[in-house]
Amino acid sequence: MAQFSLQVQPVDAAEWIDTARRAEAAGFHTLTAADHPGSCAAPFVALAAAAAVTTRIKLGSYVVNAGVREPMLLATDVATLDVVSGGRAVLGIGAGHTPVEWEAVGRVRPGVRARVDRCIAVMEATRRLLAGEKVTVDIPELTMHNAVLDKPRPVQDRMPLLVGTANSRLLRWASEHADIVGLTGFGPTKSDGHEHRVRWRLADIDDQVALAHAGGEPALEALVQQVEITDDVDAALAENARDLGMSVAELREVPFLLVGSADEIVAAVRRNRERWGITRYAVRRPALELLGPLLPRLSEV
């Protein structure tokens, strides 16, 4: 059964509450909020507000920047969300990539290896705190002493962990420890420090999926960059094909794009399950109207 997560940023109170209610009514599995301190809303505050007006939809971060978040505060935030939502929280974490977010907290963004080391340390420490353990860590990337999350205690015995990444080391770690691997398809960060090159060649995706299942069988979720219902797929994908140096035929096979007629999108979701085992999709705000009517069909794929 395919599941869809809707990533949205609050614009105002009325719009956010309405979106949460509509997403749940449409059948979206999870409502998620991004984490880019200084340029978007605080994810757990926004999700707690959504919890008050929904009853079934899961609520998660997609994804918190482990480079600028401390495990004690992160565990407290997600445990609080779990309590106020009645056990619907999902913890999504990534290594982070935008330099300005480090600069804003008085740090210099580390290189890739150090960011990955920090991300793994934060995930392990946060999970241990949520499990009620006393945590001490003393490594270059993270220092904690006798940290314990006494209150609040999460409702769920095991907080679902989503790791959003295309990094090989994180994919391997997530294959053994995560509940969900968010396949981003990202390549190196561009010079603006925010946008990415992509790794959308089918062989690249094969490699990412192999790493994500190297040590276990977490659910695989594709981060979708374009959702469009159209009878003219060639025209809809022409710009991406030109920019990426790929053919439209190749892009039709990429799980990070859901473009085509309703029947073609359903067929693509089925094909992605059969080839890669992808059963989840993270989509953005426009997909609420575009995919909402299709979710009953997609949920059966």
Protein backbone atom coordinates (compact mmCIF):
# COMPACT_ATOMS: atom_id res chain seq x y z
CA MET A 1 0.00 0.00 0.00
CA ALA A 2 1.56 3.30 -1.08
CA GLN A 3 1.62 6.04 1.56
CA PHE A 4 2.02 9.77 0.98
CA SER A 5 3.46 12.41 3.28
CA LEU A 6 2.60 16.07 2.73
CA GLN A 7 5.33 18.60 3.55
CA VAL A 8 3.91 22.07 4.20
CA GLN A 9 5.11 25.34 5.70
CA PRO A 10 2.64 27.38 7.78
CA VAL A 11 1.66 30.69 6.23
CA ASP A 12 -0.86 31.75 8.87
CA ALA A 13 -2.90 30.04 11.55
CA ALA A 14 -6.09 29.57 9.55
CA GLU A 15 -4.30 28.22 6.48
CA TRP A 16 -2.18 25.80 8.52
CA ILE A 17 -5.13 24.42 10.46
CA ASP A 18 -7.18 24.06 7.29
CA THR A 19 -4.30 22.26 5.54
CA ALA A 20 -3.86 19.80 8.41
CA ARG A 21 -7.55 18.95 8.42
CA ARG A 22 -7.69 18.61 4.63
CA ALA A 23 -4.58 16.44 4.50
CA GLU A 24 -6.07 14.05 7.03
CA ALA A 25 -9.44 13.96 5.28
CA ALA A 26 -7.77 13.29 1.91
CA GLY A 27 -5.91 10.29 3.28
CA PHE A 28 -2.34 11.53 3.54
CA HIS A 29 -0.41 9.29 5.90
CA THR A 30 1.81 11.98 7.44
CA LEU A 31 1.92 15.77 7.67
CA THR A 32 5.51 17.01 7.82
CA ALA A 33 7.32 20.29 8.35
CA ALA A 34 10.84 21.23 7.28
CA ASP A 35 13.60 22.54 9.54
CA HIS A 36 15.64 25.47 8.24
CA PRO A 37 16.14 27.79 11.24
CA GLY A 38 15.68 31.39 10.23
CA SER A 39 13.82 30.68 7.00
CA CYS A 40 10.85 28.56 8.04
CA ALA A 41 8.60 27.81 10.98
CA ALA A 42 9.78 25.70 13.91
CA PRO A 43 8.61 22.22 12.90
CA PHE A 44 7.52 20.82 16.25
CA VAL A 45 5.60 23.96 17.24
CA ALA A 46 3.71 23.88 13.94
CA LEU A 47 3.05 20.14 14.19
CA ALA A 48 1.76 20.46 17.75
CA ALA A 49 -0.83 22.95 16.49
CA ALA A 50 -1.81 20.48 13.76
CA ALA A 51 -2.15 17.73 16.38
CA ALA A 52 -4.89 19.71 18.11
CA VAL A 53 -7.17 19.62 15.03
CA THR A 54 -6.46 16.10 13.74
CA THR A 55 -6.83 12.60 15.15
CA ARG A 56 -5.23 10.08 12.75
CA ILE A 57 -2.58 11.63 10.53
CA LYS A 58 1.04 11.11 11.61
CA LEU A 59 3.09 14.24 12.31
CA GLY A 60 6.78 14.47 11.53
CA SER A 61 9.83 16.60 10.86
CA TYR A 62 11.21 16.41 7.33
CA VAL A 63 13.94 16.78 8.33
CA VAL A 64 15.60 18.39 11.32
CA ASN A 65 19.18 19.56 10.79
CA ALA A 66 21.26 17.40 13.13
CA GLY A 67 24.17 19.79 12.71
CA VAL A 68 22.50 22.59 14.69
CA ARG A 69 20.14 20.62 16.93
CA GLU A 70 21.10 19.21 20.33
CA PRO A 71 19.79 15.74 21.24
CA MET A 72 18.37 16.77 24.62
CA LEU A 73 16.27 19.54 23.11
CA LEU A 74 15.36 17.46 20.09
CA ALA A 75 14.21 14.53 22.22
CA THR A 76 12.15 16.88 24.38
CA ASP A 77 10.48 18.43 21.33
CA VAL A 78 9.55 15.17 19.64
CA ALA A 79 8.45 13.54 22.91
CA THR A 80 6.20 16.53 23.61
CA LEU A 81 4.72 16.24 20.11
CA ASP A 82 4.12 12.55 20.72
CA VAL A 83 2.28 13.32 23.96
CA VAL A 84 0.04 16.08 22.60
CA SER A 85 -0.74 14.07 19.46
CA GLY A 86 -1.56 10.86 21.31
CA GLY A 87 1.38 8.93 19.86
CA ARG A 88 1.52 10.18 16.26
CA ALA A 89 5.00 11.74 16.12
CA VAL A 90 7.68 10.76 13.59
CA LEU A 91 11.27 11.96 13.97
CA GLY A 92 12.89 12.84 10.65
CA ILE A 93 16.59 13.75 10.73
CA GLY A 94 19.23 14.71 8.17
CA ALA A 95 22.83 15.88 8.26
CA GLY A 96 22.05 19.42 7.06
CA HIS A 97 23.74 21.32 4.27
CA THR A 98 22.98 25.07 4.38
CA PRO A 99 26.00 27.05 5.73
CA VAL A 100 23.92 29.98 7.01
CA GLU A 101 22.21 27.71 9.52
CA TRP A 102 25.55 26.95 11.19
CA GLU A 103 26.61 30.59 11.02
CA ALA A 104 23.38 31.67 12.74
CA VAL A 105 24.28 29.60 15.83
CA GLY A 106 27.92 30.65 15.84
CA ARG A 107 29.40 27.60 14.13
CA VAL A 108 31.17 26.87 10.88
CA ARG A 109 29.56 24.22 8.70
CA PRO A 110 31.82 21.14 8.81
CA GLY A 111 32.74 19.02 5.82
CA VAL A 112 30.61 16.10 4.73
CA ARG A 113 32.35 13.47 6.88
CA ALA A 114 32.04 15.51 10.05
CA ARG A 115 28.39 16.33 9.31
CA VAL A 116 27.63 12.65 8.86
CA ASP A 117 29.51 11.77 12.07
CA ARG A 118 27.50 14.39 13.93
CA CYS A 119 24.20 13.22 12.41
CA ILE A 120 24.78 9.62 13.44
CA ALA A 121 25.80 10.69 16.96
CA VAL A 122 22.71 12.90 17.32
CA MET A 123 20.38 10.18 16.08
CA GLU A 124 21.85 7.58 18.41
CA ALA A 125 21.78 9.90 21.41
CA THR A 126 18.25 11.12 20.71
CA ARG A 127 16.92 7.60 20.30
CA ARG A 128 18.55 6.55 23.59
CA LEU A 129 17.03 9.53 25.39
CA LEU A 130 13.60 8.68 24.02
CA ALA A 131 14.09 5.13 25.29
CA GLY A 132 14.68 6.47 28.82
CA GLU A 133 18.43 5.85 28.98
CA LYS A 134 21.06 8.05 30.62
CA VAL A 135 23.31 9.34 27.85
CA THR A 136 26.93 10.47 27.96
CA VAL A 137 28.78 11.22 24.72
CA ASP A 138 32.25 12.75 24.39
CA ILE A 139 33.41 12.85 20.79
CA PRO A 140 34.55 15.79 18.65
CA GLU A 141 31.12 16.10 17.04
CA LEU A 142 28.97 15.87 20.20
CA THR A 143 29.38 16.25 23.95
CA MET A 144 26.72 15.30 26.52
CA HIS A 145 26.99 14.36 30.19
CA ASN A 146 24.46 12.24 32.07
CA ALA A 147 21.51 13.45 30.02
CA VAL A 148 18.15 11.90 30.86
CA LEU A 149 14.69 12.63 29.48
CA ASP A 150 12.56 12.12 32.59
CA LYS A 151 9.61 14.13 31.28
CA PRO A 152 7.79 14.12 29.02
CA ARG A 153 7.91 10.44 28.18
CA PRO A 154 6.73 9.68 24.64
CA VAL A 155 3.55 7.67 24.13
CA GLN A 156 5.14 5.35 21.58
CA ASP A 157 7.51 2.69 22.86
CA ARG A 158 9.69 3.21 19.79
CA MET A 159 9.63 6.57 18.06
CA PRO A 160 9.62 6.05 14.27
CA LEU A 161 12.89 7.36 12.81
CA LEU A 162 13.14 8.67 9.26
CA VAL A 163 16.58 9.44 7.87
CA GLY A 164 16.56 11.74 4.85
CA THR A 165 19.75 11.39 2.82
CA ALA A 166 21.60 10.36 -0.31
CA ASN A 167 24.93 10.00 1.51
CA SER A 168 26.38 6.50 1.29
CA ARG A 169 27.42 6.23 4.95
CA LEU A 170 24.07 7.50 6.21
CA LEU A 171 22.21 5.16 3.90
CA ARG A 172 24.18 2.23 5.32
CA TRP A 173 23.54 3.37 8.90
CA ALA A 174 19.86 3.92 8.17
CA SER A 175 19.56 0.49 6.61
CA GLU A 176 20.24 -1.01 10.05
CA HIS A 177 18.65 1.54 12.39
CA ALA A 178 15.94 3.61 10.68
CA ASP A 179 12.28 2.78 10.20
CA ILE A 180 12.08 4.87 7.04
CA VAL A 181 14.81 5.95 4.63
CA GLY A 182 13.94 9.17 2.82
CA LEU A 183 15.62 8.86 -0.57
CA THR A 184 16.36 12.41 -1.66
CA GLY A 185 18.26 11.81 -4.89
CA PHE A 186 20.51 14.73 -3.95
CA GLY A 187 24.06 15.15 -5.14
CA PRO A 188 26.59 17.78 -4.00
CA THR A 189 25.32 21.10 -2.67
CA LYS A 190 25.57 23.93 -5.20
CA SER A 191 27.52 27.13 -4.61
CA ASP A 192 24.48 28.88 -3.10
CA GLY A 193 24.76 26.47 -0.17
CA HIS A 194 21.14 25.39 -0.43
CA GLU A 195 20.24 23.91 -3.81
CA HIS A 196 21.59 20.53 -4.88
CA ARG A 197 22.73 18.77 -7.96
CA VAL A 198 20.84 15.53 -8.33
CA ARG A 199 21.66 11.86 -8.78
CA TRP A 200 18.70 10.72 -10.81
CA ARG A 201 20.32 8.29 -13.21
CA LEU A 202 18.59 4.96 -12.76
CA ALA A 203 21.87 3.25 -11.92
CA ASP A 204 22.45 5.85 -9.19
CA ILE A 205 19.03 5.14 -7.72
CA ASP A 206 19.76 1.40 -7.87
CA ASP A 207 22.92 2.05 -5.83
CA GLN A 208 21.10 4.20 -3.25
CA VAL A 209 18.41 1.58 -2.77
CA ALA A 210 21.02 -1.17 -2.42
CA LEU A 211 22.72 0.79 0.37
CA ALA A 212 19.41 1.54 2.06
CA HIS A 213 18.69 -2.19 2.22
CA ALA A 214 22.24 -3.34 2.91
CA GLY A 215 21.60 -4.11 6.58
CA GLY A 216 17.84 -4.33 6.91
CA GLU A 217 14.49 -3.58 5.32
CA PRO A 218 13.39 -0.06 6.30
CA ALA A 219 10.54 1.45 4.32
CA LEU A 220 11.74 3.55 1.38
CA GLU A 221 10.30 7.00 0.75
CA ALA A 222 11.06 9.13 -2.32
CA LEU A 223 11.22 12.92 -1.98
CA VAL A 224 9.16 14.09 -4.95
CA GLN A 225 10.26 17.32 -6.62
CA GLN A 226 7.47 17.68 -9.18
CA VAL A 227 3.86 16.53 -9.16
CA GLU A 228 1.87 17.33 -12.28
CA ILE A 229 -1.19 15.73 -13.80
CA THR A 230 -0.97 16.21 -17.55
CA ASP A 231 -1.48 14.47 -20.86
CA ASP A 232 1.66 16.10 -22.26
CA VAL A 233 4.49 14.54 -20.27
CA ASP A 234 7.12 15.53 -22.83
CA ALA A 235 6.32 19.22 -22.38
CA ALA A 236 6.09 18.94 -18.59
CA LEU A 237 9.51 17.29 -18.31
CA ALA A 238 11.31 19.15 -21.11
CA GLU A 239 12.96 21.74 -18.85
CA ASN A 240 14.21 19.15 -16.37
CA ALA A 241 15.49 16.98 -19.22
CA ARG A 242 17.41 19.90 -20.69
CA ASP A 243 18.84 21.05 -17.35
CA LEU A 244 19.89 17.57 -16.26
CA GLY A 245 21.10 16.26 -19.60
CA MET A 246 18.65 13.38 -19.38
CA SER A 247 15.99 12.22 -21.80
CA VAL A 248 12.30 12.51 -21.06
CA ALA A 249 12.12 8.72 -21.32
CA GLU A 250 14.69 8.44 -18.52
CA LEU A 251 12.90 11.01 -16.36
CA ARG A 252 9.63 9.11 -16.69
CA GLU A 253 11.30 6.32 -14.69
CA VAL A 254 12.64 8.54 -11.89
CA PRO A 255 10.74 8.15 -8.59
CA PHE A 256 11.39 11.78 -7.63
CA LEU A 257 8.92 12.96 -10.29
CA LEU A 258 5.23 12.08 -10.49
CA VAL A 259 4.19 13.52 -13.84
CA GLY A 260 1.57 12.27 -16.26
CA SER A 261 -2.07 11.33 -16.43
CA ALA A 262 -3.74 9.84 -13.37
CA ASP A 263 -3.30 6.38 -14.85
CA GLU A 264 0.37 7.03 -15.60
CA ILE A 265 1.06 8.21 -12.04
CA VAL A 266 -0.60 5.12 -10.61
CA ALA A 267 1.48 2.99 -12.98
CA ALA A 268 4.67 4.83 -11.93
CA VAL A 269 3.98 4.17 -8.24
CA ARG A 270 3.44 0.50 -9.03
CA ARG A 271 6.63 0.37 -11.12
CA ASN A 272 8.68 2.03 -8.36
CA ARG A 273 7.46 -0.54 -5.86
CA GLU A 274 8.33 -3.42 -8.18
CA ARG A 275 11.79 -2.14 -9.14
CA TRP A 276 13.00 -0.50 -5.93
CA GLY A 277 10.56 -1.36 -3.18
CA ILE A 278 9.59 2.31 -2.78
CA THR A 279 6.26 2.41 -0.94
CA ARG A 280 6.21 5.98 0.39
CA TYR A 281 6.36 9.43 -1.17
CA ALA A 282 7.00 12.84 0.35
CA VAL A 283 5.24 15.56 -1.65
CA ARG A 284 4.80 19.28 -1.19
CA ARG A 285 1.81 21.59 -0.76
CA PRO A 286 0.51 21.67 -4.39
CA ALA A 287 0.05 17.90 -4.23
CA LEU A 288 -2.78 18.32 -1.72
CA GLU A 289 -5.12 19.29 -4.54
CA LEU A 290 -3.41 17.31 -7.29
CA LEU A 291 -3.00 13.94 -5.57
CA GLY A 292 -5.76 14.12 -2.97
CA PRO A 293 -8.41 12.72 -5.33
CA LEU A 294 -5.97 10.00 -6.45
CA LEU A 295 -5.00 8.75 -2.99
CA PRO A 296 -7.72 6.06 -2.79
CA ARG A 297 -6.30 4.48 -5.98
CA LEU A 298 -2.68 5.00 -4.99
CA SER A 299 -3.23 3.47 -1.57
CA GLU A 300 -4.13 0.21 -3.26
CA VAL A 301 -0.90 0.00 -5.28
